[in-house]
């Protein structure tokens, strides 16, 4: 599966357009990570626990989007974008979407 954030793949022709595909995951903060984040807020530095959480969330959301595109018969996803939103206190959604095509 080719995945890109641009609207086309150079030197490739779009044969079929399947429309928008997406994937998302909602994750909650972990108490242990919150404690460490509190220390980092005082002393400064990267919040590695949250960095890992966001990385895992992006991977999971991307996998769900790819699964949806494959089920449609696509072999590429163009114009991919990420979005986040707060859905509850201490929980956030990571959402990814793009256009499924066959090239």
C-alpha atoms as a PDB file:
ATOM      1  CA  UNK A   1       0.000   0.000   0.000  1.00  0.00           C
ATOM      2  CA  UNK A   2       1.447   3.343  -1.072  1.00  0.00           C
ATOM      3  CA  UNK A   3       0.570   6.126   1.366  1.00  0.00           C
ATOM      4  CA  UNK A   4       1.335   9.781   0.743  1.00  0.00           C
ATOM      5  CA  UNK A   5       0.292  13.201   1.925  1.00  0.00           C
ATOM      6  CA  UNK A   6       0.288  14.629  -1.616  1.00  0.00           C
ATOM      7  CA  UNK A   7      -2.645  14.503  -4.039  1.00  0.00           C
ATOM      8  CA  UNK A   8      -0.999  12.238  -6.613  1.00  0.00           C
ATOM      9  CA  UNK A   9       1.932   9.885  -7.066  1.00  0.00           C
ATOM     10  CA  UNK A  10       4.405  11.193  -9.653  1.00  0.00           C
ATOM     11  CA  UNK A  11       4.570   9.164 -12.872  1.00  0.00           C
ATOM     12  CA  UNK A  12       1.560   7.078 -11.835  1.00  0.00           C
ATOM     13  CA  UNK A  13      -1.982   7.235 -13.186  1.00  0.00           C
ATOM     14  CA  UNK A  14      -5.055   6.855 -10.999  1.00  0.00           C
ATOM     15  CA  UNK A  15      -7.105   4.001 -12.488  1.00  0.00           C
ATOM     16  CA  UNK A  16      -9.942   3.965  -9.951  1.00  0.00           C
ATOM     17  CA  UNK A  17     -11.123   6.264  -7.173  1.00  0.00           C
ATOM     18  CA  UNK A  18     -12.766   4.733  -4.088  1.00  0.00           C
ATOM     19  CA  UNK A  19     -13.310   7.840  -1.946  1.00  0.00           C
ATOM     20  CA  UNK A  20     -12.386   8.758   1.593  1.00  0.00           C
ATOM     21  CA  UNK A  21     -11.048   6.122   3.977  1.00  0.00           C
ATOM     22  CA  UNK A  22     -10.259   6.699   7.623  1.00  0.00           C
ATOM     23  CA  UNK A  23      -9.055   5.155  10.839  1.00  0.00           C
ATOM     24  CA  UNK A  24      -9.170   6.312  14.413  1.00  0.00           C
ATOM     25  CA  UNK A  25      -8.375   5.331  17.952  1.00  0.00           C
ATOM     26  CA  UNK A  26      -9.326   6.854  21.296  1.00  0.00           C
ATOM     27  CA  UNK A  27      -6.739   6.617  24.039  1.00  0.00           C
ATOM     28  CA  UNK A  28      -6.811   7.583  27.691  1.00  0.00           C
ATOM     29  CA  UNK A  29      -3.926   8.817  29.755  1.00  0.00           C
ATOM     30  CA  UNK A  30      -2.200   6.386  32.101  1.00  0.00           C
ATOM     31  CA  UNK A  31      -1.865   7.316  35.804  1.00  0.00           C
ATOM     32  CA  UNK A  32       1.827   6.404  35.808  1.00  0.00           C
ATOM     33  CA  UNK A  33       2.441   8.597  32.796  1.00  0.00           C
ATOM     34  CA  UNK A  34       0.528  11.450  34.450  1.00  0.00           C
ATOM     35  CA  UNK A  35       2.787  11.289  37.516  1.00  0.00           C
ATOM     36  CA  UNK A  36       5.920  11.430  35.366  1.00  0.00           C
ATOM     37  CA  UNK A  37       4.403  14.236  33.297  1.00  0.00           C
ATOM     38  CA  UNK A  38       3.882  16.211  36.501  1.00  0.00           C
ATOM     39  CA  UNK A  39       7.591  15.918  37.300  1.00  0.00           C
ATOM     40  CA  UNK A  40       8.536  16.934  33.756  1.00  0.00           C
ATOM     41  CA  UNK A  41       6.299  20.003  34.032  1.00  0.00           C
ATOM     42  CA  UNK A  42       8.385  21.107  37.006  1.00  0.00           C
ATOM     43  CA  UNK A  43      11.837  20.202  35.680  1.00  0.00           C
ATOM     44  CA  UNK A  44      11.259  20.304  31.905  1.00  0.00           C
ATOM     45  CA  UNK A  45      11.988  17.735  29.253  1.00  0.00           C
ATOM     46  CA  UNK A  46      10.239  15.438  26.824  1.00  0.00           C
ATOM     47  CA  UNK A  47       7.193  13.534  28.009  1.00  0.00           C
ATOM     48  CA  UNK A  48       8.381  10.201  26.591  1.00  0.00           C
ATOM     49  CA  UNK A  49       5.369   8.256  27.851  1.00  0.00           C
ATOM     50  CA  UNK A  50       3.037  10.539  25.915  1.00  0.00           C
ATOM     51  CA  UNK A  51       5.305  10.496  22.858  1.00  0.00           C
ATOM     52  CA  UNK A  52       5.082   6.685  22.836  1.00  0.00           C
ATOM     53  CA  UNK A  53       1.308   6.802  23.368  1.00  0.00           C
ATOM     54  CA  UNK A  54       0.838   9.127  20.384  1.00  0.00           C
ATOM     55  CA  UNK A  55       3.155   7.043  18.206  1.00  0.00           C
ATOM     56  CA  UNK A  56       1.188   3.875  19.022  1.00  0.00           C
ATOM     57  CA  UNK A  57      -2.067   5.726  18.344  1.00  0.00           C
ATOM     58  CA  UNK A  58      -0.878   6.918  14.917  1.00  0.00           C
ATOM     59  CA  UNK A  59       0.197   3.393  13.978  1.00  0.00           C
ATOM     60  CA  UNK A  60      -3.128   1.877  15.068  1.00  0.00           C
ATOM     61  CA  UNK A  61      -5.207   4.520  13.267  1.00  0.00           C
ATOM     62  CA  UNK A  62      -3.105   4.130  10.092  1.00  0.00           C
ATOM     63  CA  UNK A  63      -3.507   0.335  10.178  1.00  0.00           C
ATOM     64  CA  UNK A  64      -7.284   0.732  10.403  1.00  0.00           C
ATOM     65  CA  UNK A  65      -7.309   3.159   7.478  1.00  0.00           C
ATOM     66  CA  UNK A  66      -5.166   0.802   5.359  1.00  0.00           C
ATOM     67  CA  UNK A  67      -7.457  -2.118   6.225  1.00  0.00           C
ATOM     68  CA  UNK A  68     -10.473  -0.140   5.038  1.00  0.00           C
ATOM     69  CA  UNK A  69      -8.707   0.858   1.793  1.00  0.00           C
ATOM     70  CA  UNK A  70      -7.630  -2.731   1.092  1.00  0.00           C
ATOM     71  CA  UNK A  71     -11.196  -3.956   1.593  1.00  0.00           C
ATOM     72  CA  UNK A  72     -12.256  -1.594  -1.204  1.00  0.00           C
ATOM     73  CA  UNK A  73      -9.541  -2.854  -3.575  1.00  0.00           C
ATOM     74  CA  UNK A  74      -7.266   0.176  -3.293  1.00  0.00           C
ATOM     75  CA  UNK A  75      -3.490  -0.044  -3.525  1.00  0.00           C
ATOM     76  CA  UNK A  76      -2.724   3.561  -2.560  1.00  0.00           C
ATOM     77  CA  UNK A  77      -4.011   6.263  -0.223  1.00  0.00           C
ATOM     78  CA  UNK A  78      -3.456   9.866  -1.251  1.00  0.00           C
ATOM     79  CA  UNK A  79      -3.677  13.210   0.542  1.00  0.00           C
ATOM     80  CA  UNK A  80      -3.376  11.647   4.026  1.00  0.00           C
ATOM     81  CA  UNK A  81      -4.062  13.935   7.000  1.00  0.00           C
ATOM     82  CA  UNK A  82      -4.094  13.509  10.777  1.00  0.00           C
ATOM     83  CA  UNK A  83      -6.395  15.149  13.292  1.00  0.00           C
ATOM     84  CA  UNK A  84      -6.756  14.968  17.060  1.00  0.00           C
ATOM     85  CA  UNK A  85      -9.563  15.910  19.378  1.00  0.00           C
ATOM     86  CA  UNK A  86     -10.401  15.658  23.044  1.00  0.00           C
ATOM     87  CA  UNK A  87     -13.380  13.355  23.602  1.00  0.00           C
ATOM     88  CA  UNK A  88     -13.440  13.243  27.426  1.00  0.00           C
ATOM     89  CA  UNK A  89     -11.348  14.345  30.366  1.00  0.00           C
ATOM     90  CA  UNK A  90      -8.034  12.568  29.955  1.00  0.00           C
ATOM     91  CA  UNK A  91      -8.945  10.899  26.624  1.00  0.00           C
ATOM     92  CA  UNK A  92      -8.213  11.937  23.061  1.00  0.00           C
ATOM     93  CA  UNK A  93      -9.006  10.647  19.588  1.00  0.00           C
ATOM     94  CA  UNK A  94      -6.395  10.398  16.876  1.00  0.00           C
ATOM     95  CA  UNK A  95      -8.032  10.347  13.440  1.00  0.00           C
ATOM     96  CA  UNK A  96      -6.379   9.780  10.053  1.00  0.00           C
ATOM     97  CA  UNK A  97      -8.018  10.036   6.649  1.00  0.00           C
ATOM     98  CA  UNK A  98      -7.146  10.040   2.977  1.00  0.00           C
ATOM     99  CA  UNK A  99      -8.386   9.160  -0.504  1.00  0.00           C
ATOM    100  CA  UNK A 100      -8.269   5.496  -1.511  1.00  0.00           C
ATOM    101  CA  UNK A 101      -7.319   4.835  -5.134  1.00  0.00           C
ATOM    102  CA  UNK A 102      -6.002   2.122  -7.412  1.00  0.00           C
ATOM    103  CA  UNK A 103      -2.957   3.202  -9.411  1.00  0.00           C
END
